[in-house]
Amino acid sequence: MPVHASGFRRAPVTLSATVAVAALLASACTGSSGTAANDDPDAKTTITFWHGWSAPSEVKAIDANIEAFEKEHPNITVKTVKNVNDDKLNQALRAGGDNAPDVVSSFTTDNVGRFCSSNALADLAPFLKKSGITPEKTFPKTMLEYTQYEGKRCTLPLLGDAYGLYYNKDAFRKAGIEKPPRTFSEFDKVAKKLTVEKGDSYEQLGFMPNYHGYETTVEHYGGQFGVSYFDEEGKANGARDPKMKQMFQWQRNLVEDLGGFRKLERYRATFGDEWGDKHPFHTGQVAMQLDGEWRGKMAKDADVDFEVGTAPLPVPDDQKEEYGKGYLAGTVVGISNSSPRKNAAWELLKFMTTDTDAVVDFANGIHNVPSTLKAMKSPKLDDDPGFRTFVDIARNPHSSHAPASPNGGSFLLTLQDLSYDVESGKQKDLDAGLKKADDQIDKDIARAR
């Protein structure tokens, strides 16, 4: 589960952790929709909010958010429990009782399908309707999609992550490159032009394409290609989707163009920690980096000795009109279905997710993308151009997230395993590999239902 980094940012959740959480949720009771929301939200009460933030600056930001809520709702006291991972969270949701949380947050968007289908979290549609909130007018389209499953909305977005391209402007100028690439054919040329070999290694690598590279995942690449993971009947679709095959072929070709899998892997072994000052982008070992909005602040904190540029990640040449999109994820929040204080819990949830000032202050505090349309346009939002690149990506209607699934991100793990075999040459028949992956994904989902 999430590990906080550099005092303000969490590390992404591993797919293996996602699958483990999905298995845990599968053991929870799924037959009950929970107790009704019949408490008085104006009565004096105490509710508990469990969250995953732990770094001092993050905790300070969420505590300020809670303090602002309590000022507006003096009858409600919020007890917070920090640094809660999804394993602990789901054990508590399964057990219920007096010590269970009322409001919960998770960094794992891939688990929303399991949260909703298992009834671990309450359906928020009645609360939204009661408060006169129209989700489609409040939240970006993609964030709305990844906070529901099969029409049931059991979570809402609380800040987001948008993925784009960081590039070393000094290296670009030295190589005579005037602007960031917009298509993958341009990107490939730029990556090769920026690559400076040194013996059997590199002095500088234009881009690390390998799937063990930082933030290099099937879903992050897939968001740019617009892959379809499932068909209309919910069956795995990788082998039949030409965009999926196009994505794998592009990545494999770039690996070969930049020196081959083994040479790249040897160079990758020299990289510093993803969340430390010695990240390969910070040190100049790579000139371009796929990453989220937090990387800009981390590069600044690392005091890098070059000018940092930001742009959307390129798109396939046949999708030029969709340039500007990116992969989106983020924190989700919901109400425990076993909570006897659902109405009071809703007041907190509503404040954190829809109050513009609250959303903006929290986004500025931990350097994440705000999660409402109004907050994205707020004059109080950090106006740093590098950060605003990612706000624009989050607002882009073509940005996407991998679809929800009843067993969490298991299908992504299967595809990621395939990606390792393809790029290393272990799996030479891509069509056969995709067909085998589809069969495995369908079997795993069937077992989860």
Protein backbone atom coordinates (compact mmCIF):
# COMPACT_ATOMS: atom_id res chain seq x y z
CA MET A 1 0.00 0.00 0.00
CA PRO A 2 0.96 3.66 -0.30
CA VAL A 3 4.28 4.83 1.00
CA HIS A 4 4.69 8.55 1.43
CA ALA A 5 7.51 10.30 -0.27
CA SER A 6 9.48 13.51 -0.01
CA GLY A 7 7.22 14.84 2.69
CA PHE A 8 4.22 15.37 0.48
CA ARG A 9 3.48 12.62 -1.96
CA ARG A 10 2.56 8.97 -1.86
CA ALA A 11 4.07 6.28 -4.01
CA PRO A 12 1.64 4.51 -6.35
CA VAL A 13 0.03 1.30 -5.17
CA THR A 14 1.50 -1.87 -6.60
CA LEU A 15 -0.79 -4.15 -8.56
CA SER A 16 0.00 -7.06 -6.27
CA ALA A 17 -1.28 -5.01 -3.33
CA THR A 18 -4.40 -4.18 -5.34
CA VAL A 19 -5.09 -7.85 -5.93
CA ALA A 20 -4.50 -8.68 -2.26
CA VAL A 21 -7.00 -6.04 -1.21
CA ALA A 22 -9.50 -7.33 -3.74
CA ALA A 23 -9.18 -10.80 -2.24
CA LEU A 24 -9.74 -9.39 1.23
CA LEU A 25 -12.82 -7.51 0.13
CA ALA A 26 -14.16 -10.63 -1.54
CA SER A 27 -14.34 -12.24 1.89
CA ALA A 28 -16.53 -9.44 3.24
CA CYS A 29 -20.27 -9.82 3.57
CA THR A 30 -21.94 -8.79 0.30
CA GLY A 31 -25.54 -9.54 1.08
CA SER A 32 -26.49 -6.41 2.96
CA SER A 33 -26.72 -2.83 1.79
CA GLY A 34 -26.07 -1.55 5.30
CA THR A 35 -28.15 0.44 7.73
CA ALA A 36 -30.27 3.40 6.63
CA ALA A 37 -29.09 6.98 7.04
CA ASN A 38 -31.41 8.03 9.87
CA ASP A 39 -29.13 9.97 12.21
CA ASP A 40 -29.61 13.71 12.82
CA PRO A 41 -26.72 15.60 11.15
CA ASP A 42 -27.43 18.61 13.38
CA ALA A 43 -27.02 16.64 16.59
CA LYS A 44 -23.78 16.77 18.52
CA THR A 45 -21.71 13.79 17.43
CA THR A 46 -18.26 12.46 16.70
CA ILE A 47 -17.32 10.74 13.46
CA THR A 48 -14.10 8.95 12.52
CA PHE A 49 -12.20 9.56 9.29
CA TRP A 50 -9.50 7.10 8.21
CA HIS A 51 -7.00 8.20 5.59
CA GLY A 52 -3.65 7.13 4.17
CA TRP A 53 -1.62 10.34 4.38
CA SER A 54 1.30 10.29 6.80
CA ALA A 55 3.97 12.78 5.70
CA PRO A 56 3.98 15.89 7.95
CA SER A 57 2.98 18.33 5.20
CA GLU A 58 0.17 16.04 4.03
CA VAL A 59 -1.19 15.51 7.54
CA LYS A 60 -1.00 19.25 8.15
CA ALA A 61 -3.03 19.90 5.00
CA ILE A 62 -5.75 17.35 5.81
CA ASP A 63 -5.94 18.53 9.42
CA ALA A 64 -6.45 22.11 8.20
CA ASN A 65 -9.25 20.80 5.98
CA ILE A 66 -10.89 19.08 8.95
CA GLU A 67 -10.49 22.17 11.13
CA ALA A 68 -12.29 24.27 8.52
CA PHE A 69 -15.12 21.73 8.42
CA GLU A 70 -15.52 21.68 12.20
CA LYS A 71 -15.69 25.47 12.20
CA GLU A 72 -18.64 25.32 9.82
CA HIS A 73 -20.20 22.34 11.66
CA PRO A 74 -19.50 22.93 15.38
CA ASN A 75 -21.78 20.04 16.33
CA ILE A 76 -19.60 17.48 14.52
CA THR A 77 -16.21 16.47 15.86
CA VAL A 78 -13.96 14.56 13.46
CA LYS A 79 -11.49 12.05 14.83
CA THR A 80 -8.83 11.28 12.23
CA VAL A 81 -6.69 8.17 11.92
CA LYS A 82 -3.74 8.65 9.55
CA ASN A 83 -1.52 6.30 7.56
CA VAL A 84 -4.19 3.64 7.06
CA ASN A 85 -3.53 1.30 4.16
CA ASP A 86 -6.26 -0.54 2.28
CA ASP A 87 -5.61 -3.83 4.09
CA LYS A 88 -6.41 -2.24 7.46
CA LEU A 89 -9.24 -0.23 5.96
CA ASN A 90 -11.01 -3.23 4.50
CA GLN A 91 -10.57 -5.33 7.62
CA ALA A 92 -12.34 -2.56 9.54
CA LEU A 93 -15.10 -2.22 6.95
CA ARG A 94 -15.66 -5.97 7.07
CA ALA A 95 -15.71 -6.12 10.88
CA GLY A 96 -17.90 -3.06 11.53
CA GLY A 97 -18.65 -2.23 15.14
CA ASP A 98 -17.93 0.78 17.32
CA ASN A 99 -14.28 1.05 16.27
CA ALA A 100 -14.99 1.06 12.54
CA PRO A 101 -14.51 4.30 10.55
CA ASP A 102 -17.42 6.40 9.32
CA VAL A 103 -15.59 8.06 6.42
CA VAL A 104 -12.71 6.40 4.57
CA SER A 105 -10.29 7.38 1.85
CA SER A 106 -8.23 5.19 -0.46
CA PHE A 107 -5.44 5.86 -2.92
CA THR A 108 -6.43 2.76 -4.91
CA THR A 109 -8.89 3.70 -7.62
CA ASP A 110 -8.63 0.16 -9.00
CA ASN A 111 -10.51 -1.09 -5.93
CA VAL A 112 -13.65 1.02 -6.47
CA GLY A 113 -15.34 -1.83 -8.34
CA ARG A 114 -14.89 -4.09 -5.33
CA PHE A 115 -15.89 -1.37 -2.85
CA CYS A 116 -19.17 -0.86 -4.69
CA SER A 117 -20.04 -4.43 -5.64
CA SER A 118 -19.36 -5.74 -2.11
CA ASN A 119 -21.48 -3.00 -0.48
CA ALA A 120 -18.54 -2.15 1.76
CA LEU A 121 -19.28 1.52 1.09
CA ALA A 122 -22.67 3.21 0.98
CA ASP A 123 -24.42 4.27 -2.21
CA LEU A 124 -23.92 8.04 -2.40
CA ALA A 125 -26.64 8.76 -4.98
CA PRO A 126 -29.34 9.52 -2.35
CA PHE A 127 -26.99 11.89 -0.52
CA LEU A 128 -26.05 13.74 -3.69
CA LYS A 129 -29.72 14.07 -4.66
CA LYS A 130 -30.68 15.29 -1.17
CA SER A 131 -28.00 17.96 -1.33
CA GLY A 132 -28.93 19.07 -4.84
CA ILE A 133 -25.51 18.15 -6.26
CA THR A 134 -25.34 17.15 -9.92
CA PRO A 135 -22.17 15.05 -10.27
CA GLU A 136 -21.81 15.73 -14.00
CA LYS A 137 -21.69 19.48 -13.35
CA THR A 138 -19.38 19.16 -10.36
CA PHE A 139 -16.61 16.69 -11.23
CA PRO A 140 -14.53 16.00 -14.36
CA LYS A 141 -15.91 13.19 -16.53
CA THR A 142 -13.04 10.74 -15.98
CA MET A 143 -13.04 11.21 -12.20
CA LEU A 144 -16.77 10.48 -12.20
CA GLU A 145 -16.14 7.28 -14.11
CA TYR A 146 -13.49 5.88 -11.79
CA THR A 147 -15.50 6.58 -8.63
CA GLN A 148 -18.45 4.34 -9.57
CA TYR A 149 -19.03 0.80 -10.72
CA GLU A 150 -21.85 -0.45 -12.93
CA GLY A 151 -23.93 2.63 -12.19
CA LYS A 152 -23.45 2.56 -8.42
CA ARG A 153 -21.56 5.53 -6.98
CA CYS A 154 -20.01 4.50 -3.69
CA THR A 155 -17.11 6.99 -3.75
CA LEU A 156 -16.33 10.55 -4.79
CA PRO A 157 -12.99 11.99 -5.95
CA LEU A 158 -10.82 13.84 -3.43
CA LEU A 159 -7.98 15.38 -5.45
CA GLY A 160 -6.55 13.71 -8.52
CA ASP A 161 -3.38 12.63 -10.24
CA ALA A 162 -2.74 13.43 -13.90
CA TYR A 163 0.12 11.90 -15.86
CA GLY A 164 2.14 13.79 -18.45
CA LEU A 165 5.64 14.42 -19.75
CA TYR A 166 8.50 16.10 -17.92
CA TYR A 167 11.46 17.13 -20.05
CA ASN A 168 14.90 18.66 -19.55
CA LYS A 169 14.77 21.97 -21.42
CA ASP A 170 18.53 22.38 -21.29
CA ALA A 171 19.01 18.97 -22.92
CA PHE A 172 16.42 19.89 -25.55
CA ARG A 173 18.25 23.12 -26.41
CA LYS A 174 21.60 21.33 -26.58
CA ALA A 175 20.13 18.79 -29.02
CA GLY A 176 18.46 21.51 -31.10
CA ILE A 177 14.93 20.42 -30.17
CA GLU A 178 12.58 23.40 -30.02
CA LYS A 179 9.43 21.94 -28.48
CA PRO A 180 8.10 18.78 -26.83
CA PRO A 181 6.80 16.06 -29.17
CA ARG A 182 3.08 15.71 -29.75
CA THR A 183 2.92 12.32 -31.50
CA PHE A 184 4.71 9.07 -30.73
CA SER A 185 6.62 9.14 -34.02
CA GLU A 186 7.98 12.56 -33.01
CA PHE A 187 8.61 11.25 -29.50
CA ASP A 188 10.66 8.31 -30.79
CA LYS A 189 12.88 10.64 -32.85
CA VAL A 190 13.35 13.01 -29.91
CA ALA A 191 14.14 10.14 -27.50
CA LYS A 192 16.84 8.85 -29.86
CA LYS A 193 18.25 12.33 -30.50
CA LEU A 194 18.52 12.97 -26.74
CA THR A 195 20.27 9.65 -26.11
CA VAL A 196 24.04 9.92 -25.63
CA GLU A 197 25.82 6.58 -25.43
CA LYS A 198 28.88 6.00 -23.28
CA GLY A 199 30.64 2.70 -23.89
CA ASP A 200 28.12 -0.07 -23.36
CA SER A 201 25.85 2.27 -21.36
CA TYR A 202 24.60 5.85 -21.58
CA GLU A 203 25.73 9.29 -20.58
CA GLN A 204 22.12 10.38 -21.07
CA LEU A 205 19.05 8.39 -22.09
CA GLY A 206 16.27 10.18 -23.92
CA PHE A 207 13.53 8.14 -22.21
CA MET A 208 13.30 4.90 -20.23
CA PRO A 209 10.58 2.86 -21.99
CA ASN A 210 10.96 -0.40 -20.03
CA TYR A 211 7.97 -1.56 -18.01
CA HIS A 212 10.02 -1.79 -14.83
CA GLY A 213 10.82 1.90 -15.27
CA TYR A 214 9.25 4.47 -12.98
CA GLU A 215 5.55 5.06 -13.80
CA THR A 216 5.89 2.92 -16.94
CA THR A 217 2.78 0.77 -16.83
CA VAL A 218 0.30 -0.71 -19.27
CA GLU A 219 -2.47 1.59 -18.07
CA HIS A 220 -0.36 4.76 -18.36
CA TYR A 221 0.68 3.92 -21.93
CA GLY A 222 -2.78 2.55 -22.65
CA GLY A 223 -4.44 5.82 -21.72
CA GLN A 224 -2.64 7.52 -24.61
CA PHE A 225 -3.50 4.80 -27.11
CA GLY A 226 -7.13 4.58 -25.99
CA VAL A 227 -7.07 0.82 -25.49
CA SER A 228 -10.29 -1.09 -24.77
CA TYR A 229 -9.69 -3.57 -21.97
CA PHE A 230 -13.19 -5.10 -22.17
CA ASP A 231 -15.92 -5.42 -24.78
CA GLU A 232 -19.57 -4.45 -24.29
CA GLU A 233 -20.29 -7.81 -22.64
CA GLY A 234 -17.49 -7.38 -20.12
CA LYS A 235 -15.15 -9.89 -21.76
CA ALA A 236 -11.42 -9.19 -21.98
CA ASN A 237 -10.72 -7.48 -25.27
CA GLY A 238 -6.95 -7.13 -25.56
CA ALA A 239 -6.42 -9.65 -28.36
CA ARG A 240 -9.19 -8.09 -30.46
CA ASP A 241 -8.31 -4.45 -29.88
CA PRO A 242 -5.89 -3.13 -32.54
CA LYS A 243 -4.90 -0.27 -30.22
CA MET A 244 -3.69 -2.72 -27.60
CA LYS A 245 -1.47 -4.44 -30.14
CA GLN A 246 -0.31 -1.04 -31.45
CA MET A 247 0.72 -0.02 -27.93
CA PHE A 248 2.76 -3.17 -27.29
CA GLN A 249 4.46 -2.93 -30.68
CA TRP A 250 5.33 0.75 -30.22
CA GLN A 251 6.92 0.14 -26.83
CA ARG A 252 8.85 -2.90 -28.03
CA ASN A 253 10.19 -0.99 -31.06
CA LEU A 254 11.31 1.94 -28.90
CA VAL A 255 13.13 -0.44 -26.57
CA GLU A 256 15.08 -1.80 -29.54
CA ASP A 257 15.73 1.67 -31.00
CA LEU A 258 17.24 2.87 -27.73
CA GLY A 259 19.70 0.01 -27.33
CA GLY A 260 17.70 -3.08 -26.49
CA PHE A 261 16.12 -4.49 -23.36
CA ARG A 262 19.25 -5.76 -21.60
CA LYS A 263 21.27 -2.59 -22.14
CA LEU A 264 18.38 -0.49 -20.87
CA GLU A 265 17.90 -2.75 -17.85
CA ARG A 266 21.56 -2.46 -16.91
CA TYR A 267 21.26 1.32 -17.06
CA ARG A 268 18.02 1.25 -15.07
CA ALA A 269 19.85 -0.57 -12.28
CA THR A 270 21.92 2.60 -11.75
CA PHE A 271 18.88 4.77 -11.04
CA GLY A 272 18.22 6.27 -7.61
CA ASP A 273 14.99 5.86 -5.66
CA GLU A 274 11.83 7.10 -7.38
CA TRP A 275 10.92 9.25 -4.38
CA GLY A 276 14.36 10.60 -3.54
CA ASP A 277 16.58 13.39 -4.83
CA LYS A 278 18.51 10.93 -6.99
CA HIS A 279 15.60 10.14 -9.28
CA PRO A 280 17.08 9.68 -12.81
CA PHE A 281 15.23 12.73 -14.13
CA HIS A 282 16.63 14.87 -11.31
CA THR A 283 20.18 13.68 -11.99
CA GLY A 284 19.97 14.13 -15.76
CA GLN A 285 20.29 10.40 -16.46
CA VAL A 286 17.05 10.58 -18.46
CA ALA A 287 15.98 13.64 -20.41
CA MET A 288 12.25 12.85 -20.51
CA GLN A 289 10.08 11.29 -17.83
CA LEU A 290 6.48 10.06 -17.72
CA ASP A 291 5.16 11.17 -14.33
CA GLY A 292 2.43 12.86 -12.33
CA GLU A 293 1.91 16.43 -11.15
CA TRP A 294 3.94 15.85 -7.99
CA ARG A 295 7.23 15.44 -9.89
CA GLY A 296 7.54 19.18 -10.51
CA LYS A 297 7.69 19.99 -6.80
CA MET A 298 10.02 17.08 -6.17
CA ALA A 299 12.40 18.32 -8.88
CA LYS A 300 12.31 21.79 -7.36
CA ASP A 301 12.98 20.41 -3.89
CA ALA A 302 15.89 18.40 -5.32
CA ASP A 303 17.33 21.67 -6.68
CA VAL A 304 17.95 20.26 -10.16
CA ASP A 305 20.50 22.18 -12.22
CA PHE A 306 18.41 22.45 -15.40
CA GLU A 307 15.15 24.05 -16.51
CA VAL A 308 12.17 21.69 -16.25
CA GLY A 309 9.46 21.65 -18.90
CA THR A 310 6.05 19.96 -18.78
CA ALA A 311 3.66 18.85 -21.51
CA PRO A 312 1.04 16.20 -22.15
CA LEU A 313 2.41 12.80 -23.09
CA PRO A 314 2.31 12.32 -26.89
CA VAL A 315 -0.45 10.38 -28.64
CA PRO A 316 -0.39 7.93 -31.56
CA ASP A 317 -0.07 9.61 -34.93
CA ASP A 318 -3.61 8.60 -35.91
CA GLN A 319 -5.00 10.34 -32.80
CA LYS A 320 -3.42 13.79 -33.21
CA GLU A 321 -6.71 15.50 -32.44
CA GLU A 322 -6.65 14.05 -28.90
CA TYR A 323 -3.27 15.48 -27.94
CA GLY A 324 -3.53 16.96 -24.47
CA LYS A 325 -5.04 13.90 -22.81
CA GLY A 326 -3.45 11.73 -20.15
CA TYR A 327 -4.06 9.00 -17.62
CA LEU A 328 -5.94 10.09 -14.48
CA ALA A 329 -6.21 8.54 -11.03
CA GLY A 330 -6.52 9.92 -7.50
CA THR A 331 -7.83 9.56 -3.98
CA VAL A 332 -11.40 8.35 -3.50
CA VAL A 333 -13.55 8.79 -0.41
CA GLY A 334 -16.71 7.08 0.79
CA ILE A 335 -18.93 6.30 3.75
CA SER A 336 -18.81 2.98 5.56
CA ASN A 337 -22.03 1.10 4.97
CA SER A 338 -22.06 -0.01 8.61
CA SER A 339 -21.80 3.53 9.98
CA PRO A 340 -24.73 4.60 12.19
CA ARG A 341 -23.77 8.22 11.48
CA LYS A 342 -24.14 8.34 7.71
CA ASN A 343 -25.78 11.76 7.53
CA ALA A 344 -23.09 13.37 9.67
CA ALA A 345 -20.48 11.49 7.66
CA TRP A 346 -22.02 12.85 4.47
CA GLU A 347 -21.59 16.42 5.71
CA LEU A 348 -17.84 15.82 6.01
CA LEU A 349 -17.65 14.00 2.68
CA LYS A 350 -19.62 16.75 0.95
CA PHE A 351 -17.37 19.46 2.39
CA MET A 352 -14.10 17.76 1.43
CA THR A 353 -15.18 16.91 -2.10
CA THR A 354 -17.41 19.81 -3.22
CA ASP A 355 -16.48 22.93 -1.23
CA THR A 356 -14.32 24.85 -3.70
CA ASP A 357 -12.07 26.55 -1.15
CA ALA A 358 -11.57 23.29 0.74
CA VAL A 359 -10.62 21.43 -2.44
CA VAL A 360 -8.27 24.20 -3.62
CA ASP A 361 -6.56 24.59 -0.25
CA PHE A 362 -5.97 20.85 0.00
CA ALA A 363 -4.72 20.64 -3.61
CA ASN A 364 -2.27 23.47 -2.98
CA GLY A 365 -1.22 21.90 0.31
CA ILE A 366 -0.15 18.52 -1.10
CA HIS A 367 0.44 19.53 -4.73
CA ASN A 368 -2.25 17.35 -6.29
CA VAL A 369 -4.73 18.19 -9.03
CA PRO A 370 -8.07 19.50 -7.68
CA SER A 371 -11.07 17.26 -8.25
CA THR A 372 -13.93 19.65 -9.06
CA LEU A 373 -14.48 21.75 -12.16
CA LYS A 374 -14.85 24.93 -10.10
CA ALA A 375 -11.68 24.28 -8.13
CA MET A 376 -9.74 23.81 -11.36
CA LYS A 377 -10.77 27.32 -12.42
CA SER A 378 -10.24 28.94 -9.02
CA PRO A 379 -7.91 31.97 -8.94
CA LYS A 380 -6.61 30.63 -5.60
CA LEU A 381 -5.19 27.50 -7.23
CA ASP A 382 -1.41 27.30 -7.64
CA ASP A 383 -0.68 29.17 -10.88
CA ASP A 384 2.70 27.58 -11.60
CA PRO A 385 2.71 26.84 -15.38
CA GLY A 386 4.26 23.43 -14.86
CA PHE A 387 1.52 22.42 -12.45
CA ARG A 388 -1.21 23.91 -14.64
CA THR A 389 -0.17 21.55 -17.44
CA PHE A 390 -1.54 18.70 -15.33
CA VAL A 391 -4.71 20.58 -14.42
CA ASP A 392 -5.36 20.97 -18.15
CA ILE A 393 -4.74 17.24 -18.66
CA ALA A 394 -7.27 16.48 -15.92
CA ARG A 395 -9.82 18.72 -17.63
CA ASN A 396 -9.27 17.20 -21.07
CA PRO A 397 -12.38 15.20 -22.09
CA HIS A 398 -10.22 12.51 -23.72
CA SER A 399 -8.25 11.75 -20.54
CA SER A 400 -9.03 8.34 -19.09
CA HIS A 401 -8.65 5.77 -16.36
CA ALA A 402 -8.66 2.00 -16.60
CA PRO A 403 -12.19 0.59 -16.09
CA ALA A 404 -13.41 -0.67 -12.73
CA SER A 405 -13.51 -4.42 -12.20
CA PRO A 406 -15.07 -6.66 -9.53
CA ASN A 407 -11.62 -7.98 -8.62
CA GLY A 408 -9.81 -4.67 -8.54
CA GLY A 409 -6.75 -4.28 -10.77
CA SER A 410 -6.11 -7.97 -11.37
CA PHE A 411 -6.54 -7.59 -15.14
CA LEU A 412 -3.85 -4.90 -15.18
CA LEU A 413 -1.47 -7.20 -13.33
CA THR A 414 -2.03 -9.88 -15.96
CA LEU A 415 -1.29 -7.42 -18.77
CA GLN A 416 1.73 -6.06 -16.92
CA ASP A 417 3.14 -9.57 -16.62
CA LEU A 418 2.67 -9.96 -20.36
CA SER A 419 4.46 -6.66 -20.97
CA TYR A 420 7.57 -7.93 -19.17
CA ASP A 421 7.61 -11.04 -21.32
CA VAL A 422 7.09 -9.11 -24.56
CA GLU A 423 9.76 -6.46 -24.03
CA SER A 424 12.35 -9.01 -22.88
CA GLY A 425 11.70 -11.29 -25.85
CA LYS A 426 10.39 -14.15 -23.73
CA GLN A 427 6.99 -13.85 -25.46
CA LYS A 428 7.67 -13.49 -29.20
CA ASP A 429 4.11 -14.11 -30.39
CA LEU A 430 2.19 -11.02 -29.27
CA ASP A 431 -1.17 -12.25 -30.59
CA ALA A 432 -0.85 -15.50 -28.66
CA GLY A 433 0.25 -13.62 -25.54
CA LEU A 434 -2.75 -11.27 -25.68
CA LYS A 435 -5.14 -14.19 -26.23
CA LYS A 436 -3.70 -16.03 -23.23
CA ALA A 437 -3.97 -12.88 -21.12
CA ASP A 438 -7.61 -12.41 -22.14
CA ASP A 439 -8.44 -15.98 -21.12
CA GLN A 440 -6.78 -15.48 -17.73
CA ILE A 441 -8.55 -12.16 -17.13
CA ASP A 442 -11.96 -13.68 -17.92
CA LYS A 443 -11.32 -16.61 -15.59
CA ASP A 444 -10.22 -14.31 -12.75
CA ILE A 445 -13.28 -12.10 -13.11
CA ALA A 446 -15.62 -15.10 -13.25
CA ARG A 447 -14.16 -16.34 -9.96
CA ALA A 448 -14.60 -12.92 -8.36
CA ARG A 449 -18.31 -12.60 -9.14
